PDB file of N, CA and C in Angstrom:
ATOM      1  N   THR A   1       0.839  -1.188   0.000  1.00  0.00           N
ATOM      2  CA  THR A   1       0.000   0.000   0.000  1.00  0.00           C
ATOM      3  C   THR A   1       0.878   1.243   0.000  1.00  0.00           C
ATOM      4  N   PRO A   2       0.379   2.335  -0.519  1.00  0.00           N
ATOM      5  CA  PRO A   2       1.178   3.570  -0.501  1.00  0.00           C
ATOM      6  C   PRO A   2       1.583   3.992   0.912  1.00  0.00           C
ATOM      7  N   GLN A   3       0.679   3.849   1.891  1.00  0.00           N
ATOM      8  CA  GLN A   3       1.014   4.245   3.257  1.00  0.00           C
ATOM      9  C   GLN A   3       2.217   3.453   3.767  1.00  0.00           C
ATOM     10  N   PHE A   4       2.231   2.158   3.550  1.00  0.00           N
ATOM     11  CA  PHE A   4       3.350   1.328   3.988  1.00  0.00           C
ATOM     12  C   PHE A   4       4.631   1.744   3.283  1.00  0.00           C
ATOM     13  N   LYS A   5       4.545   1.956   1.978  1.00  0.00           N
ATOM     14  CA  LYS A   5       5.726   2.348   1.203  1.00  0.00           C
ATOM     15  C   LYS A   5       6.312   3.654   1.737  1.00  0.00           C
ATOM     16  N   PHE A   6       5.471   4.652   1.929  1.00  0.00           N
ATOM     17  CA  PHE A   6       5.969   5.936   2.407  1.00  0.00           C
ATOM     18  C   PHE A   6       6.493   5.852   3.839  1.00  0.00           C
ATOM     19  N   SER A   7       5.881   5.038   4.671  1.00  0.00           N
ATOM     20  CA  SER A   7       6.333   4.940   6.061  1.00  0.00           C
ATOM     21  C   SER A   7       7.741   4.368   6.163  1.00  0.00           C
ATOM     22  N   LYS A   8       8.212   3.704   5.127  1.00  0.00           N
ATOM     23  CA  LYS A   8       9.546   3.115   5.127  1.00  0.00           C
ATOM     24  C   LYS A   8      10.618   4.060   4.589  1.00  0.00           C
ATOM     25  N   ILE A   9      10.241   5.215   4.078  1.00  0.00           N
ATOM     26  CA  ILE A   9      11.205   6.165   3.524  1.00  0.00           C
ATOM     27  C   ILE A   9      11.810   6.987   4.655  1.00  0.00           C
ATOM     28  N   LYS A  10      13.135   7.008   4.716  1.00  0.00           N
ATOM     29  CA  LYS A  10      13.831   7.768   5.741  1.00  0.00           C
ATOM     30  C   LYS A  10      13.477   9.255   5.589  1.00  0.00           C
ATOM     31  N   GLY A  11      12.990   9.840   6.657  1.00  0.00           N
ATOM     32  CA  GLY A  11      12.614  11.248   6.637  1.00  0.00           C
ATOM     33  C   GLY A  11      11.112  11.473   6.689  1.00  0.00           C
ATOM     34  N   ILE A  12      10.328  10.467   6.287  1.00  0.00           N
ATOM     35  CA  ILE A  12       8.871  10.559   6.427  1.00  0.00           C
ATOM     36  C   ILE A  12       8.567  10.253   7.891  1.00  0.00           C
ATOM     37  N   THR A  13       7.923  11.198   8.568  1.00  0.00           N
ATOM     38  CA  THR A  13       7.698  11.046  10.005  1.00  0.00           C
ATOM     39  C   THR A  13       6.287  10.593  10.351  1.00  0.00           C
ATOM     40  N   ARG A  14       5.350  10.758   9.419  1.00  0.00           N
ATOM     41  CA  ARG A  14       3.960  10.375   9.703  1.00  0.00           C
ATOM     42  C   ARG A  14       3.201  10.191   8.398  1.00  0.00           C
ATOM     43  N   THR A  15       2.342   9.187   8.358  1.00  0.00           N
ATOM     44  CA  THR A  15       1.443   8.987   7.222  1.00  0.00           C
ATOM     45  C   THR A  15       0.039   8.751   7.754  1.00  0.00           C
ATOM     46  N   VAL A  16      -0.933   9.339   7.083  1.00  0.00           N
ATOM     47  CA  VAL A  16      -2.343   9.151   7.439  1.00  0.00           C
ATOM     48  C   VAL A  16      -3.117   8.983   6.141  1.00  0.00           C
ATOM     49  N   VAL A  17      -3.922   7.947   6.046  1.00  0.00           N
ATOM     50  CA  VAL A  17      -4.733   7.745   4.853  1.00  0.00           C
ATOM     51  C   VAL A  17      -6.178   8.136   5.130  1.00  0.00           C
ATOM     52  N   GLY A  18      -6.866   8.523   4.077  1.00  0.00           N
ATOM     53  CA  GLY A  18      -8.269   8.906   4.214  1.00  0.00           C
ATOM     54  C   GLY A  18      -8.872   9.174   2.859  1.00  0.00           C
ATOM     55  N   TYR A  19      -9.902   9.983   2.845  1.00  0.00           N
ATOM     56  CA  TYR A  19     -10.620  10.311   1.617  1.00  0.00           C
ATOM     57  C   TYR A  19     -10.805  11.816   1.537  1.00  0.00           C
ATOM     58  N   THR A  20     -10.852  12.346   0.329  1.00  0.00           N
ATOM     59  CA  THR A  20     -10.982  13.784   0.139  1.00  0.00           C
ATOM     60  C   THR A  20     -11.782  14.085  -1.118  1.00  0.00           C
ATOM     61  N   GLY A  21     -12.300  15.296  -1.190  1.00  0.00           N
ATOM     62  CA  GLY A  21     -12.897  15.800  -2.420  1.00  0.00           C
ATOM     63  C   GLY A  21     -14.332  15.430  -2.706  1.00  0.00           C
ATOM     64  N   GLY A  22     -14.974  14.671  -1.862  1.00  0.00           N
ATOM     65  CA  GLY A  22     -16.340  14.265  -2.148  1.00  0.00           C
ATOM     66  C   GLY A  22     -17.361  15.035  -1.325  1.00  0.00           C
ATOM     67  N   LYS A  23     -18.614  14.738  -1.574  1.00  0.00           N
ATOM     68  CA  LYS A  23     -19.703  15.390  -0.854  1.00  0.00           C
ATOM     69  C   LYS A  23     -20.073  14.659   0.434  1.00  0.00           C
ATOM     70  N   GLU A  24     -19.700  13.387   0.537  1.00  0.00           N
ATOM     71  CA  GLU A  24     -19.966  12.586   1.729  1.00  0.00           C
ATOM     72  C   GLU A  24     -19.185  13.180   2.908  1.00  0.00           C
ATOM     73  N   LYS A  25     -19.865  13.423   4.036  1.00  0.00           N
ATOM     74  CA  LYS A  25     -19.219  14.061   5.182  1.00  0.00           C
ATOM     75  C   LYS A  25     -18.108  13.207   5.781  1.00  0.00           C
ATOM     76  N   ASN A  26     -18.355  11.945   5.988  1.00  0.00           N
ATOM     77  CA  ASN A  26     -17.369  11.030   6.565  1.00  0.00           C
ATOM     78  C   ASN A  26     -17.306   9.751   5.739  1.00  0.00           C
ATOM     79  N   PRO A  27     -16.701   9.804   4.557  1.00  0.00           N
ATOM     80  CA  PRO A  27     -16.692   8.619   3.696  1.00  0.00           C
ATOM     81  C   PRO A  27     -15.890   7.479   4.322  1.00  0.00           C
ATOM     82  N   THR A  28     -16.297   6.269   4.000  1.00  0.00           N
ATOM     83  CA  THR A  28     -15.587   5.072   4.419  1.00  0.00           C
ATOM     84  C   THR A  28     -15.268   4.262   3.169  1.00  0.00           C
ATOM     85  N   TYR A  29     -14.548   3.184   3.368  1.00  0.00           N
ATOM     86  CA  TYR A  29     -14.216   2.313   2.249  1.00  0.00           C
ATOM     87  C   TYR A  29     -15.478   1.854   1.521  1.00  0.00           C
ATOM     88  N   ARG A  30     -16.529   1.582   2.256  1.00  0.00           N
ATOM     89  CA  ARG A  30     -17.774   1.092   1.658  1.00  0.00           C
ATOM     90  C   ARG A  30     -18.651   2.212   1.092  1.00  0.00           C
ATOM     91  N   SER A  31     -18.431   3.445   1.526  1.00  0.00           N
ATOM     92  CA  SER A  31     -19.276   4.550   1.048  1.00  0.00           C
ATOM     93  C   SER A  31     -18.450   5.663   0.404  1.00  0.00           C
ATOM     94  N   ILE A  32     -17.417   5.294  -0.318  1.00  0.00           N
ATOM     95  CA  ILE A  32     -16.491   6.283  -0.891  1.00  0.00           C
ATOM     96  C   ILE A  32     -17.178   7.193  -1.919  1.00  0.00           C
ATOM     97  N   LYS A  33     -18.099   6.673  -2.696  1.00  0.00           N
ATOM     98  CA  LYS A  33     -18.860   7.426  -3.701  1.00  0.00           C
ATOM     99  C   LYS A  33     -17.963   8.328  -4.543  1.00  0.00           C
ATOM    100  N   ASP A  34     -18.096   9.656  -4.389  1.00  0.00           N
ATOM    101  CA  ASP A  34     -17.349  10.570  -5.256  1.00  0.00           C
ATOM    102  C   ASP A  34     -16.059  11.082  -4.619  1.00  0.00           C
ATOM    103  N   SER A  35     -15.661  10.522  -3.492  1.00  0.00           N
ATOM    104  CA  SER A  35     -14.409  10.916  -2.844  1.00  0.00           C
ATOM    105  C   SER A  35     -13.233  10.189  -3.486  1.00  0.00           C
ATOM    106  N   THR A  36     -12.044  10.637  -3.162  1.00  0.00           N
ATOM    107  CA  THR A  36     -10.820  10.039  -3.674  1.00  0.00           C
ATOM    108  C   THR A  36      -9.951   9.635  -2.497  1.00  0.00           C
ATOM    109  N   GLU A  37      -9.326   8.478  -2.599  1.00  0.00           N
ATOM    110  CA  GLU A  37      -8.394   8.095  -1.550  1.00  0.00           C
ATOM    111  C   GLU A  37      -7.237   9.077  -1.529  1.00  0.00           C
ATOM    112  N   SER A  38      -6.750   9.386  -0.330  1.00  0.00           N
ATOM    113  CA  SER A  38      -5.639  10.327  -0.204  1.00  0.00           C
ATOM    114  C   SER A  38      -4.711   9.868   0.916  1.00  0.00           C
ATOM    115  N   ILE A  39      -3.523  10.452   0.921  1.00  0.00           N
ATOM    116  CA  ILE A  39      -2.565  10.175   1.981  1.00  0.00           C
ATOM    117  C   ILE A  39      -1.904  11.482   2.387  1.00  0.00           C
ATOM    118  N   LEU A  40      -1.822  11.697   3.690  1.00  0.00           N
ATOM    119  CA  LEU A  40      -1.128  12.843   4.257  1.00  0.00           C
ATOM    120  C   LEU A  40       0.266  12.386   4.640  1.00  0.00           C
ATOM    121  N   LEU A  41       1.274  13.129   4.214  1.00  0.00           N
ATOM    122  CA  LEU A  41       2.657  12.813   4.570  1.00  0.00           C
ATOM    123  C   LEU A  41       3.245  13.976   5.355  1.00  0.00           C
ATOM    124  N   GLU A  42       3.851  13.672   6.464  1.00  0.00           N
ATOM    125  CA  GLU A  42       4.645  14.662   7.188  1.00  0.00           C
ATOM    126  C   GLU A  42       6.087  14.190   7.113  1.00  0.00           C
ATOM    127  N   TYR A  43       6.993  15.143   6.943  1.00  0.00           N
ATOM    128  CA  TYR A  43       8.390  14.753   6.758  1.00  0.00           C
ATOM    129  C   TYR A  43       9.326  15.762   7.401  1.00  0.00           C
ATOM    130  N   ASP A  44      10.543  15.319   7.634  1.00  0.00           N
ATOM    131  CA  ASP A  44      11.602  16.153   8.189  1.00  0.00           C
ATOM    132  C   ASP A  44      12.420  16.697   7.019  1.00  0.00           C
ATOM    133  N   PRO A  45      12.318  18.009   6.739  1.00  0.00           N
ATOM    134  CA  PRO A  45      13.031  18.561   5.581  1.00  0.00           C
ATOM    135  C   PRO A  45      14.554  18.526   5.725  1.00  0.00           C
ATOM    136  N   ASP A  46      15.055  18.236   6.923  1.00  0.00           N
ATOM    137  CA  ASP A  46      16.500  18.068   7.085  1.00  0.00           C
ATOM    138  C   ASP A  46      16.955  16.684   6.640  1.00  0.00           C
ATOM    139  N   MET A  47      15.999  15.761   6.471  1.00  0.00           N
ATOM    140  CA  MET A  47      16.337  14.392   6.076  1.00  0.00           C
ATOM    141  C   MET A  47      15.944  14.055   4.643  1.00  0.00           C
ATOM    142  N   ILE A  48      14.889  14.702   4.138  1.00  0.00           N
ATOM    143  CA  ILE A  48      14.403  14.429   2.786  1.00  0.00           C
ATOM    144  C   ILE A  48      13.776  15.707   2.236  1.00  0.00           C
ATOM    145  N   THR A  49      13.954  15.951   0.958  1.00  0.00           N
ATOM    146  CA  THR A  49      13.370  17.149   0.351  1.00  0.00           C
ATOM    147  C   THR A  49      11.991  16.832  -0.232  1.00  0.00           C
ATOM    148  N   PHE A  50      11.223  17.877  -0.428  1.00  0.00           N
ATOM    149  CA  PHE A  50       9.921  17.700  -1.066  1.00  0.00           C
ATOM    150  C   PHE A  50      10.099  17.117  -2.464  1.00  0.00           C
ATOM    151  N   GLU A  51      11.121  17.554  -3.162  1.00  0.00           N
ATOM    152  CA  GLU A  51      11.401  17.028  -4.506  1.00  0.00           C
ATOM    153  C   GLU A  51      11.674  15.522  -4.461  1.00  0.00           C
ATOM    154  N   ASP A  52      12.400  15.064  -3.450  1.00  0.00           N
ATOM    155  CA  ASP A  52      12.653  13.625  -3.311  1.00  0.00           C
ATOM    156  C   ASP A  52      11.349  12.860  -3.080  1.00  0.00           C
ATOM    157  N   ILE A  53      10.442  13.447  -2.296  1.00  0.00           N
ATOM    158  CA  ILE A  53       9.150  12.796  -2.071  1.00  0.00           C
ATOM    159  C   ILE A  53       8.359  12.750  -3.375  1.00  0.00           C
ATOM    160  N   LEU A  54       8.377  13.844  -4.135  1.00  0.00           N
ATOM    161  CA  LEU A  54       7.682  13.849  -5.426  1.00  0.00           C
ATOM    162  C   LEU A  54       8.240  12.778  -6.348  1.00  0.00           C
ATOM    163  N   ASP A  55       9.547  12.572  -6.312  1.00  0.00           N
ATOM    164  CA  ASP A  55      10.144  11.518  -7.140  1.00  0.00           C
ATOM    165  C   ASP A  55       9.572  10.148  -6.782  1.00  0.00           C
ATOM    166  N   GLU A  56       9.170   9.965  -5.542  1.00  0.00           N
ATOM    167  CA  GLU A  56       8.572   8.705  -5.111  1.00  0.00           C
ATOM    168  C   GLU A  56       7.146   8.529  -5.624  1.00  0.00           C
ATOM    169  N   VAL A  57       6.426   9.615  -5.887  1.00  0.00           N
ATOM    170  CA  VAL A  57       5.012   9.501  -6.261  1.00  0.00           C
ATOM    171  C   VAL A  57       4.732   9.817  -7.724  1.00  0.00           C
ATOM    172  N   ARG A  58       5.716  10.328  -8.440  1.00  0.00           N
ATOM    173  CA  ARG A  58       5.487  10.606  -9.855  1.00  0.00           C
ATOM    174  C   ARG A  58       5.183   9.306 -10.574  1.00  0.00           C
ATOM    175  N   PRO A  59       4.155   9.327 -11.439  1.00  0.00           N
ATOM    176  CA  PRO A  59       3.796   8.083 -12.122  1.00  0.00           C
ATOM    177  C   PRO A  59       4.894   7.615 -13.077  1.00  0.00           C
ATOM    178  N   THR A  60       5.087   6.324 -13.084  1.00  0.00           N
ATOM    179  CA  THR A  60       5.991   5.681 -14.039  1.00  0.00           C
ATOM    180  C   THR A  60       5.259   4.476 -14.587  1.00  0.00           C
ATOM    181  N   THR A  61       5.860   3.821 -15.508  1.00  0.00           N
ATOM    182  CA  THR A  61       5.222   2.619 -16.029  1.00  0.00           C
ATOM    183  C   THR A  61       5.146   1.537 -14.958  1.00  0.00           C
ATOM    184  N   LEU A  62       6.004   1.619 -13.942  1.00  0.00           N
ATOM    185  CA  LEU A  62       5.987   0.634 -12.877  1.00  0.00           C
ATOM    186  C   LEU A  62       5.071   1.022 -11.718  1.00  0.00           C
ATOM    187  N   GLN A  63       4.691   2.311 -11.658  1.00  0.00           N
ATOM    188  CA  GLN A  63       3.867   2.799 -10.550  1.00  0.00           C
ATOM    189  C   GLN A  63       2.695   3.634 -11.072  1.00  0.00           C
ATOM    190  N   PRO A  64       1.828   3.096 -11.897  1.00  0.00           N
ATOM    191  CA  PRO A  64       0.761   3.913 -12.467  1.00  0.00           C
ATOM    192  C   PRO A  64      -0.288   4.350 -11.455  1.00  0.00           C
ATOM    193  N   GLU A  65      -0.318   3.750 -10.255  1.00  0.00           N
ATOM    194  CA  GLU A  65      -1.344   4.105  -9.293  1.00  0.00           C
ATOM    195  C   GLU A  65      -1.124   5.471  -8.654  1.00  0.00           C
ATOM    196  N   TYR A  66       0.088   6.010  -8.704  1.00  0.00           N
ATOM    197  CA  TYR A  66       0.358   7.318  -8.120  1.00  0.00           C
ATOM    198  C   TYR A  66       0.212   8.374  -9.202  1.00  0.00           C
ATOM    199  N   THR A  67      -0.928   8.995  -9.274  1.00  0.00           N
ATOM    200  CA  THR A  67      -1.178   9.870 -10.413  1.00  0.00           C
ATOM    201  C   THR A  67      -1.417  11.321 -10.068  1.00  0.00           C
ATOM    202  N   THR A  68      -1.772  11.651  -8.846  1.00  0.00           N
ATOM    203  CA  THR A  68      -2.095  13.019  -8.510  1.00  0.00           C
ATOM    204  C   THR A  68      -1.361  13.448  -7.246  1.00  0.00           C
ATOM    205  N   VAL A  69      -0.727  14.611  -7.314  1.00  0.00           N
ATOM    206  CA  VAL A  69      -0.055  15.170  -6.151  1.00  0.00           C
ATOM    207  C   VAL A  69      -0.663  16.540  -5.912  1.00  0.00           C
ATOM    208  N   ARG A  70      -1.162  16.756  -4.712  1.00  0.00           N
ATOM    209  CA  ARG A  70      -1.732  18.058  -4.355  1.00  0.00           C
ATOM    210  C   ARG A  70      -1.101  18.537  -3.061  1.00  0.00           C
ATOM    211  N   MET A  71      -0.718  19.803  -3.039  1.00  0.00           N
ATOM    212  CA  MET A  71      -0.181  20.412  -1.818  1.00  0.00           C
ATOM    213  C   MET A  71      -1.329  20.969  -1.020  1.00  0.00           C
ATOM    214  N   GLN A  72      -1.296  20.770   0.278  1.00  0.00           N
ATOM    215  CA  GLN A  72      -2.295  21.376   1.158  1.00  0.00           C
ATOM    216  C   GLN A  72      -1.606  22.019   2.325  1.00  0.00           C
TER     217      GLN A  72
END
């Protein structure tokens, strides 16, 4: 899973998965409807750069599931 993958990267200090962007107030796996799965990453900028994290999520032919990056 993306959460597991990111949690193993040196410098990532916290990962939280959830849903975003939909009209459902508290979407769940069974009621996702128009929401999108998302992951929150917190990191130590002294250990890893934002650019390095983007390199981990940019889509490649081997990782087509990582398609959208949004800053919040």
